[in-house]
Every structure is written in structure tokens, then in C-alpha cells.
Amino acid sequence: MKKTWILIGLVLAMGLMGCQQQRDAYKSLQAVMDKTVTADGPGVVLLVEGPGVGQQIFARGLADREKGTPVRTVSHFRIGGLSKPFISTLVLQMVTEGKLSLDDTLAERLPDTAVLFPHSAQITIRHLLNMTSGIPDYRDNPAFWEVVRAQEKRGWQPEELLPYAAELPATAVPGETFHYSNTNYLLLQMILATVLKDPLAEELRDRIWDPVDMPDTYIEPIALTSGGHIAGYADMDGDGAVENTLPYDDARGLADLGFISSALDLGAFAPALYARTLPGADGRAQTLATMPTGNGADAYGLGIMRRPSAWGDMWGYDSTTGGYSHQMWYLPDQELTVVVLISGEESSLADELVERALTAVLSSE
């Protein structure tokens, strides 16, 4: 009987210790938000989740600067480049099922489209995934932005955007050099359409979003000004003033930049993204293989980024585009996830928040 009471006492003590750790994490992270994010600035949501920390989520700043509406922890954001890890995960599933191969070429998979791009017979799905295809970014073409700034509601399709990329010179020989290009993921969207049974949105829901429990993640409707998300803010017309980006159709709802999500959903996805793997003895190594991006110490793989930190490598994604900044990272050594969503092009703020949040919860370990 005495041993039973001792065991119960130990369990209770451990529970209390865990609760205290979570309270300490909450206080530290709240202090980070108060010191780093202004109440009348861009809307910011921070999520940190892991052993000892629990699930901590905070919101500060404005979702609508014109109306003064505050951002909420459950607010939906356009997630820009964070759309790509979902597409790359779906591609890897198709590879696992034998419907695609990483060595399939653009010319083989999209023969009619491939004629737009030199070296299409050498450009593989692997090159599209890891940004080494040499295909330029359609968003680097000023002619595309002329249409966007005219606020034409185009409801763009991938096929309409490819000519903007084709007008630009190739950035490198396939497989030789990393060059970030959103065009790669438009082409992957088109390739997926040739092998998927159902529409892209349904396949993503069935294969990723429902299994990972991501009820607030979806593809943005291409014909609407807002797909239920908060506004982003950037200088879209080049006049030097930051403005609401909702009136500008910069190719909504496509596989390169067009998904909507929340911090809670992305917090659930980050460890699943790191855990995915290809079949075979070297499957895990292939899945996590990366190459330098030329941007500091960052590295890029098959639709996933790797970034070093004081606590080990972080795996996930970093994106700033269309009036938003986002970072989603998983630290496998600590089993810790950190997500930052910002309704403004504030990449330095996102970097600072990630660093301060990790310092707050890990520096004493």
C-alpha cells in the first residue's frame, strides 16, 4: 500500500512539474510577443509546441489595418510558399505508389508544354521539386506584374502563366544550380493532374489534410477577392506605400503559392513533413537530401528547407510573398515545432520571432 501511495505521489509530482514547465513557457513566449510585436502593426500569430512546452499559441497586431480589427490565434492566412511542401508531399506519394518517378522528365510527362522550355528532355521531377530545373520564375517577368497591378480578376490557370516564364532566359543547366522558381510547382501541379484520380483539392484533403487533422487548410478560390483569410499588406503598385493586397490577383489558388491555412494546422503538419520518406534503403536519405541555396546557411530539398540553429537543424519552410511572411519549422532533436504567420512582408520580424521563441523555451535546457 505504501508503494502505491509513493507511486501516486511521483505521478502527481511529475504532472505538476509538467504544468509548471508549460506555465513558464507561456510566460516566456508571451513576453517575446509583447517585446517583439506591436499592437498596431501587422497581424502576427506564433505557435510553439513540444514536450514540456505543451501547445502555446499567441496573436498580436492587426488583421485589418483599415478597420483596426485584431488578429486572432485562429485567423486564416495565405501561406504563400508554404503551399509547396504539400505539393511535394503529394508528389512523393505518387512516387511511392509507382505513378511517378523522380527521374521522369518534363518532356515525357508534359510533352505539349515542354516545348516552351529548353532542356525539357533533361529536366526531371526531382529538378522541379528541388529548384534546380533552370526554369525561370514567371513572377520575375514585369509583364506579369503589369496585369496584376491593373487589378484584373483573371482567375489564372497554370497554362496562362507559363509563357511569362518562357519569355525569360533559363537560369542554369538542369541539375546544376539552385534557383527558386515558382514555375516549377505550376508544372508539378500539371503533372499531378495527369496521374491523380480526383481534383487536386480532394486528393490533398484525403491524403494529407484529413489524416494530419488540418481542418482549416484549403486551396484559395481563384475567382474571389478573399477565400476567408485575413488581408496581407505590401507595396503592390510600387508607389512606396504599403497597401492591402486583397484587390490584386497575383495568381491565387495555384500549387506554388495558393493555399490557405492557420498556425494550428501548420503546427500539426511540420513534424509530419519531416517524417515523410521514400521507399527503399536510401529512401530517408533521398527525402532529406538538400543543397545550398546561396542564401546564408539555408539548404533546399524536395520541397522542404533545412536551416541550422543553435539547437540543431530545423526542417520546414520560409516564405515571404504577396503581403505575408511565414515560417514553419520542426526541430527533431527537441521534437519542437515553431510557426510564425505575419500579415505583412516582414521576413526580419519572422526571423527574430523564431529565434526569440526558441531561446525562450530552449535556452535553459
Protein backbone atom coordinates (compact mmCIF):
# COMPACT_ATOMS: atom_id res chain seq x y z
CA MET A 1 0.00 0.00 0.00
CA LYS A 2 2.84 2.35 0.90
CA LYS A 3 4.49 1.71 -2.50
CA THR A 4 1.21 2.55 -4.22
CA TRP A 5 0.99 5.92 -2.45
CA ILE A 6 4.62 6.65 -3.30
CA LEU A 7 3.94 5.87 -6.98
CA ILE A 8 0.84 8.08 -6.99
CA GLY A 9 2.88 10.85 -5.37
CA LEU A 10 5.56 10.58 -8.05
CA VAL A 11 2.99 10.70 -10.85
CA LEU A 12 1.35 13.77 -9.33
CA ALA A 13 4.72 15.46 -8.84
CA MET A 14 5.67 14.80 -12.46
CA GLY A 15 2.32 16.17 -13.60
CA LEU A 16 2.77 19.31 -11.54
CA MET A 17 6.30 19.71 -12.89
CA GLY A 18 4.97 19.44 -16.45
CA CYS A 19 2.28 22.02 -15.72
CA GLN A 20 4.88 24.37 -14.29
CA GLN A 21 7.07 23.96 -17.39
CA GLN A 22 4.11 24.84 -19.58
CA ARG A 23 3.25 27.87 -17.43
CA ASP A 24 6.85 29.05 -17.62
CA ALA A 25 6.86 28.56 -21.40
CA TYR A 26 3.63 30.53 -21.70
CA LYS A 27 5.01 33.45 -19.70
CA SER A 28 8.29 33.49 -21.62
CA LEU A 29 6.61 33.36 -25.01
CA GLN A 30 4.04 35.98 -24.08
CA ALA A 31 6.94 38.25 -23.10
CA VAL A 32 8.54 37.56 -26.50
CA MET A 33 5.35 38.59 -28.30
CA ASP A 34 4.91 41.74 -26.16
CA LYS A 35 8.51 42.86 -26.79
CA THR A 36 8.72 41.94 -30.47
CA VAL A 37 5.29 42.61 -31.98
CA THR A 38 3.48 45.97 -31.88
CA ALA A 39 -0.23 46.00 -31.13
CA ASP A 40 -0.99 48.35 -34.04
CA GLY A 41 1.31 46.65 -36.55
CA PRO A 42 0.88 43.63 -38.83
CA GLY A 43 -1.09 40.69 -37.51
CA VAL A 44 1.20 38.03 -36.07
CA VAL A 45 0.41 34.54 -34.83
CA LEU A 46 3.08 32.50 -33.04
CA LEU A 47 2.75 28.82 -32.21
CA VAL A 48 5.27 26.73 -30.27
CA GLU A 49 4.59 23.09 -29.44
CA GLY A 50 6.64 20.28 -27.96
CA PRO A 51 7.44 18.14 -24.93
CA GLY A 52 7.43 20.18 -21.73
CA VAL A 53 6.24 23.25 -23.62
CA GLY A 54 2.80 21.94 -24.49
CA GLN A 55 0.91 23.79 -27.19
CA GLN A 56 1.32 27.56 -26.87
CA ILE A 57 -0.26 29.97 -29.34
CA PHE A 58 -0.38 33.78 -29.32
CA ALA A 59 -1.77 36.54 -31.53
CA ARG A 60 -0.92 40.23 -31.59
CA GLY A 61 -1.33 43.04 -34.11
CA LEU A 62 -3.99 43.83 -36.69
CA ALA A 63 -5.72 41.56 -39.16
CA ASP A 64 -7.32 44.57 -40.88
CA ARG A 65 -5.32 47.79 -40.60
CA GLU A 66 -8.06 49.92 -42.11
CA LYS A 67 -10.69 48.79 -39.60
CA GLY A 68 -8.35 48.17 -36.70
CA THR A 69 -9.52 44.55 -36.35
CA PRO A 70 -7.12 42.48 -34.22
CA VAL A 71 -5.67 39.23 -35.49
CA ARG A 72 -6.78 36.04 -33.74
CA THR A 73 -4.97 32.79 -33.00
CA VAL A 74 -7.41 31.02 -35.35
CA SER A 75 -7.08 33.52 -38.22
CA HIS A 76 -6.55 32.08 -41.69
CA PHE A 77 -3.59 33.34 -43.75
CA ARG A 78 -2.48 32.94 -47.32
CA ILE A 79 0.59 30.77 -46.75
CA GLY A 80 2.45 31.52 -49.98
CA GLY A 81 5.49 29.29 -50.44
CA LEU A 82 4.37 27.04 -47.58
CA SER A 83 1.97 25.60 -50.16
CA LYS A 84 4.90 23.83 -51.82
CA PRO A 85 5.59 21.24 -49.08
CA PHE A 86 2.05 19.91 -49.56
CA ILE A 87 2.57 19.56 -53.31
CA SER A 88 5.96 17.93 -52.87
CA THR A 89 4.50 15.50 -50.32
CA LEU A 90 1.76 14.55 -52.79
CA VAL A 91 4.39 14.02 -55.50
CA LEU A 92 6.38 11.76 -53.17
CA GLN A 93 3.23 9.76 -52.51
CA MET A 94 2.79 9.31 -56.26
CA VAL A 95 6.41 8.14 -56.48
CA THR A 96 5.82 5.66 -53.66
CA GLU A 97 2.74 4.33 -55.48
CA GLY A 98 4.67 3.93 -58.74
CA LYS A 99 2.63 6.54 -60.63
CA LEU A 100 5.60 8.90 -60.99
CA SER A 101 9.38 8.65 -60.79
CA LEU A 102 11.75 11.36 -59.64
CA ASP A 103 13.64 10.70 -62.87
CA ASP A 104 10.66 11.26 -65.17
CA THR A 105 11.38 14.19 -67.48
CA LEU A 106 9.26 17.21 -68.26
CA ALA A 107 9.24 16.19 -71.92
CA GLU A 108 7.89 12.75 -71.03
CA ARG A 109 5.21 13.95 -68.64
CA LEU A 110 4.03 17.16 -70.36
CA PRO A 111 5.14 16.91 -74.00
CA ASP A 112 2.92 19.74 -75.25
CA THR A 113 4.05 22.11 -72.52
CA ALA A 114 7.69 21.08 -72.56
CA VAL A 115 8.30 22.79 -75.90
CA LEU A 116 8.21 26.13 -74.05
CA PHE A 117 11.41 25.37 -72.16
CA PRO A 118 14.92 24.46 -73.34
CA HIS A 119 16.39 21.24 -71.98
CA SER A 120 12.94 19.84 -71.18
CA ALA A 121 14.22 16.37 -72.06
CA GLN A 122 16.78 16.71 -69.26
CA ILE A 123 14.56 18.43 -66.65
CA THR A 124 13.27 15.83 -64.20
CA ILE A 125 10.62 15.83 -61.50
CA ARG A 126 13.47 15.85 -58.99
CA HIS A 127 14.78 19.08 -60.56
CA LEU A 128 11.32 20.67 -60.34
CA LEU A 129 10.98 19.68 -56.69
CA ASN A 130 14.39 20.93 -55.56
CA MET A 131 14.51 24.08 -57.70
CA THR A 132 17.38 23.02 -59.95
CA SER A 133 15.45 22.85 -63.24
CA GLY A 134 16.86 26.10 -64.62
CA ILE A 135 13.33 27.23 -65.47
CA PRO A 136 12.85 30.93 -64.60
CA ASP A 137 10.16 32.24 -62.26
CA TYR A 138 7.10 33.66 -64.03
CA ARG A 139 6.90 36.22 -61.21
CA ASP A 140 10.22 37.70 -62.36
CA ASN A 141 8.60 38.88 -65.59
CA PRO A 142 7.49 42.56 -65.36
CA ALA A 143 4.70 41.85 -67.86
CA PHE A 144 3.00 39.57 -65.31
CA TRP A 145 3.00 42.34 -62.70
CA GLU A 146 1.57 44.84 -65.16
CA VAL A 147 -1.54 42.66 -65.35
CA VAL A 148 -1.61 42.15 -61.57
CA ARG A 149 -1.32 45.87 -60.82
CA ALA A 150 -4.18 46.58 -63.22
CA GLN A 151 -6.27 44.57 -60.72
CA GLU A 152 -7.69 42.32 -63.39
CA LYS A 153 -9.60 39.40 -61.87
CA ARG A 154 -8.06 36.78 -64.11
CA GLY A 155 -8.61 33.58 -62.17
CA TRP A 156 -5.26 32.41 -63.52
CA GLN A 157 -4.61 28.86 -64.66
CA PRO A 158 -1.07 27.40 -64.74
CA GLU A 159 -1.07 27.27 -68.55
CA GLU A 160 -1.63 31.04 -68.71
CA LEU A 161 1.38 31.76 -66.51
CA LEU A 162 3.94 29.54 -68.18
CA PRO A 163 4.52 31.92 -71.15
CA TYR A 164 5.67 34.61 -68.71
CA ALA A 165 8.42 32.23 -67.59
CA ALA A 166 9.20 31.08 -71.11
CA GLU A 167 9.92 34.68 -72.17
CA LEU A 168 12.83 34.80 -69.69
CA PRO A 169 16.24 33.17 -70.21
CA ALA A 170 16.97 29.88 -68.48
CA THR A 171 18.73 30.37 -65.15
CA ALA A 172 21.06 27.35 -65.40
CA VAL A 173 21.59 23.92 -66.90
CA PRO A 174 19.19 21.39 -65.29
CA GLY A 175 20.54 19.90 -62.06
CA GLU A 176 23.45 22.31 -61.83
CA THR A 177 22.37 25.24 -59.63
CA PHE A 178 19.61 26.10 -57.17
CA HIS A 179 17.32 28.89 -58.33
CA TYR A 180 13.99 29.44 -56.59
CA SER A 181 11.25 29.44 -59.21
CA ASN A 182 7.53 29.19 -58.59
CA THR A 183 7.10 27.95 -62.16
CA ASN A 184 8.47 24.56 -61.08
CA TYR A 185 5.46 23.97 -58.87
CA LEU A 186 2.97 25.05 -61.52
CA LEU A 187 4.48 22.34 -63.71
CA LEU A 188 4.23 19.84 -60.85
CA GLN A 189 0.57 20.77 -60.47
CA MET A 190 0.03 19.98 -64.14
CA ILE A 191 1.95 16.69 -63.86
CA LEU A 192 -0.10 15.67 -60.83
CA ALA A 193 -3.30 16.32 -62.78
CA THR A 194 -2.28 13.58 -65.23
CA VAL A 195 -2.00 10.88 -62.53
CA LEU A 196 -4.44 11.83 -59.78
CA LYS A 197 -7.87 10.23 -59.76
CA ASP A 198 -9.67 13.21 -58.19
CA PRO A 199 -9.17 17.01 -58.31
CA LEU A 200 -6.12 18.34 -56.50
CA ALA A 201 -8.09 19.78 -53.57
CA GLU A 202 -9.84 16.47 -52.92
CA GLU A 203 -6.61 14.48 -53.12
CA LEU A 204 -4.87 16.84 -50.69
CA ARG A 205 -7.81 16.59 -48.30
CA ASP A 206 -7.95 12.80 -48.45
CA ARG A 207 -4.22 12.15 -48.43
CA ILE A 208 -2.76 14.89 -46.20
CA TRP A 209 -5.10 17.39 -44.60
CA ASP A 210 -7.60 14.97 -43.04
CA PRO A 211 -5.02 12.37 -41.90
CA VAL A 212 -2.91 15.09 -40.25
CA ASP A 213 -6.06 16.79 -38.85
CA MET A 214 -5.87 20.10 -40.69
CA PRO A 215 -9.49 21.33 -40.94
CA ASP A 216 -8.52 24.95 -41.70
CA THR A 217 -6.28 24.26 -44.70
CA TYR A 218 -7.59 24.54 -48.25
CA ILE A 219 -6.88 25.89 -51.71
CA GLU A 220 -7.84 29.53 -52.11
CA PRO A 221 -10.75 30.07 -54.53
CA ILE A 222 -9.23 31.63 -57.63
CA ALA A 223 -12.22 33.81 -58.54
CA LEU A 224 -12.78 35.53 -55.17
CA THR A 225 -11.07 38.52 -53.56
CA SER A 226 -10.76 36.64 -50.27
CA GLY A 227 -11.04 32.96 -49.52
CA GLY A 228 -11.89 33.55 -45.87
CA HIS A 229 -8.39 34.69 -44.92
CA ILE A 230 -7.11 37.94 -43.45
CA ALA A 231 -5.57 40.62 -45.64
CA GLY A 232 -1.90 40.85 -46.46
CA TYR A 233 -0.03 44.13 -46.81
CA ALA A 234 2.73 45.14 -49.22
CA ASP A 235 3.67 47.85 -51.72
CA MET A 236 1.95 46.22 -54.67
CA ASP A 237 1.80 49.21 -57.03
CA GLY A 238 5.34 50.44 -56.42
CA ASP A 239 4.40 53.85 -55.00
CA GLY A 240 6.33 53.32 -51.78
CA ALA A 241 3.24 52.88 -49.59
CA VAL A 242 2.10 49.60 -48.07
CA GLU A 243 -1.45 48.64 -49.05
CA ASN A 244 -4.00 45.86 -48.72
CA THR A 245 -3.14 43.12 -51.24
CA LEU A 246 -6.63 41.57 -51.47
CA PRO A 247 -7.65 43.50 -54.64
CA TYR A 248 -4.66 42.13 -56.57
CA ASP A 249 -4.98 38.78 -58.34
CA ASP A 250 -1.39 37.57 -58.30
CA ALA A 251 -2.36 34.00 -59.31
CA ARG A 252 -4.49 32.80 -56.41
CA GLY A 253 -5.26 29.19 -55.67
CA LEU A 254 -2.38 27.54 -57.54
CA ALA A 255 0.09 24.96 -56.33
CA ASP A 256 3.05 27.31 -55.98
CA LEU A 257 1.59 29.90 -53.57
CA GLY A 258 -2.16 29.43 -53.40
CA PHE A 259 -3.11 27.65 -50.18
CA ILE A 260 -4.80 28.94 -47.01
CA SER A 261 -4.04 27.67 -43.51
CA SER A 262 -3.77 28.51 -39.81
CA ALA A 263 -0.96 28.29 -37.28
CA LEU A 264 -2.59 25.33 -35.54
CA ASP A 265 -2.85 23.39 -38.79
CA LEU A 266 0.72 24.14 -39.81
CA GLY A 267 1.88 23.15 -36.34
CA ALA A 268 0.34 19.73 -36.94
CA PHE A 269 1.92 19.44 -40.39
CA ALA A 270 5.51 20.41 -39.55
CA PRO A 271 6.54 17.11 -37.85
CA ALA A 272 4.66 15.10 -40.49
CA LEU A 273 6.57 16.91 -43.23
CA TYR A 274 9.89 15.99 -41.61
CA ALA A 275 8.78 12.37 -41.10
CA ARG A 276 7.81 11.63 -44.71
CA THR A 277 10.03 9.20 -46.60
CA LEU A 278 10.52 7.50 -49.94
CA PRO A 279 10.67 3.69 -50.17
CA GLY A 280 13.93 1.79 -50.41
CA ALA A 281 17.12 1.52 -48.40
CA ASP A 282 18.11 5.09 -49.22
CA GLY A 283 14.57 6.48 -49.11
CA ARG A 284 15.05 8.54 -46.00
CA ALA A 285 18.37 9.93 -47.25
CA GLN A 286 16.78 10.94 -50.56
CA THR A 287 13.86 12.60 -48.79
CA LEU A 288 16.15 14.73 -46.63
CA ALA A 289 18.85 15.42 -49.24
CA THR A 290 19.41 19.18 -49.60
CA MET A 291 21.67 21.58 -51.45
CA PRO A 292 22.84 25.12 -50.60
CA THR A 293 20.54 27.93 -51.72
CA GLY A 294 23.21 30.62 -51.71
CA ASN A 295 21.17 32.47 -49.08
CA GLY A 296 23.24 32.13 -45.93
CA ALA A 297 23.27 28.64 -44.45
CA ASP A 298 19.83 27.62 -45.77
CA ALA A 299 19.51 24.44 -47.83
CA TYR A 300 16.68 23.20 -50.05
CA GLY A 301 15.49 19.68 -50.80
CA LEU A 302 12.40 18.02 -52.24
CA GLY A 303 10.01 20.80 -51.30
CA ILE A 304 11.47 21.20 -47.82
CA MET A 305 14.04 23.60 -46.34
CA ARG A 306 16.76 22.98 -43.78
CA ARG A 307 18.13 25.75 -41.59
CA PRO A 308 20.77 25.43 -38.86
CA SER A 309 20.09 26.78 -35.40
CA ALA A 310 21.82 26.82 -32.02
CA TRP A 311 19.73 23.76 -31.12
CA GLY A 312 20.31 21.70 -34.26
CA ASP A 313 18.84 21.66 -37.74
CA MET A 314 15.32 22.99 -38.30
CA TRP A 315 13.25 21.46 -41.10
CA GLY A 316 10.28 23.18 -42.71
CA TYR A 317 9.75 26.24 -44.88
CA ASP A 318 10.22 30.02 -45.01
CA SER A 319 8.26 32.28 -47.36
CA THR A 320 7.66 35.99 -47.87
CA THR A 321 5.36 36.95 -50.72
CA GLY A 322 2.07 38.59 -51.66
CA GLY A 323 1.81 40.65 -48.49
CA TYR A 324 2.63 37.88 -46.00
CA SER A 325 5.60 36.29 -44.24
CA HIS A 326 5.54 32.75 -42.85
CA GLN A 327 7.91 30.33 -41.19
CA MET A 328 7.19 26.74 -40.17
CA TRP A 329 9.95 24.69 -38.53
CA TYR A 330 10.37 21.35 -36.77
CA LEU A 331 13.43 20.64 -34.62
CA PRO A 332 13.76 16.83 -34.48
CA ASP A 333 16.33 16.82 -31.67
CA GLN A 334 13.84 18.54 -29.37
CA GLU A 335 10.63 17.35 -31.09
CA LEU A 336 9.67 21.02 -31.12
CA THR A 337 7.56 22.90 -33.66
CA VAL A 338 7.51 26.67 -34.19
CA VAL A 339 5.20 28.51 -36.60
CA VAL A 340 5.09 32.24 -37.33
CA LEU A 341 2.46 33.83 -39.58
CA ILE A 342 2.54 37.57 -40.37
CA SER A 343 0.13 39.66 -42.46
CA GLY A 344 2.93 41.73 -43.97
CA GLU A 345 6.20 41.20 -45.82
CA GLU A 346 8.23 41.17 -42.62
CA SER A 347 10.88 38.49 -43.08
CA SER A 348 13.22 40.03 -40.48
CA LEU A 349 10.42 40.06 -37.92
CA ALA A 350 9.68 36.40 -38.66
CA ASP A 351 13.38 35.52 -38.21
CA GLU A 352 13.50 37.43 -34.94
CA LEU A 353 10.37 35.78 -33.56
CA VAL A 354 11.60 32.27 -34.37
CA GLU A 355 14.97 32.96 -32.74
CA ARG A 356 13.48 34.57 -29.63
CA ALA A 357 10.81 31.90 -29.22
CA LEU A 358 13.39 29.10 -29.41
CA THR A 359 15.66 30.92 -26.99
CA ALA A 360 12.77 31.40 -24.56
CA VAL A 361 11.87 27.71 -24.38
CA LEU A 362 15.21 26.01 -25.01
CA SER A 363 17.97 28.21 -23.61
CA SER A 364 17.67 26.74 -20.09
CA GLU A 365 17.90 23.13 -21.27
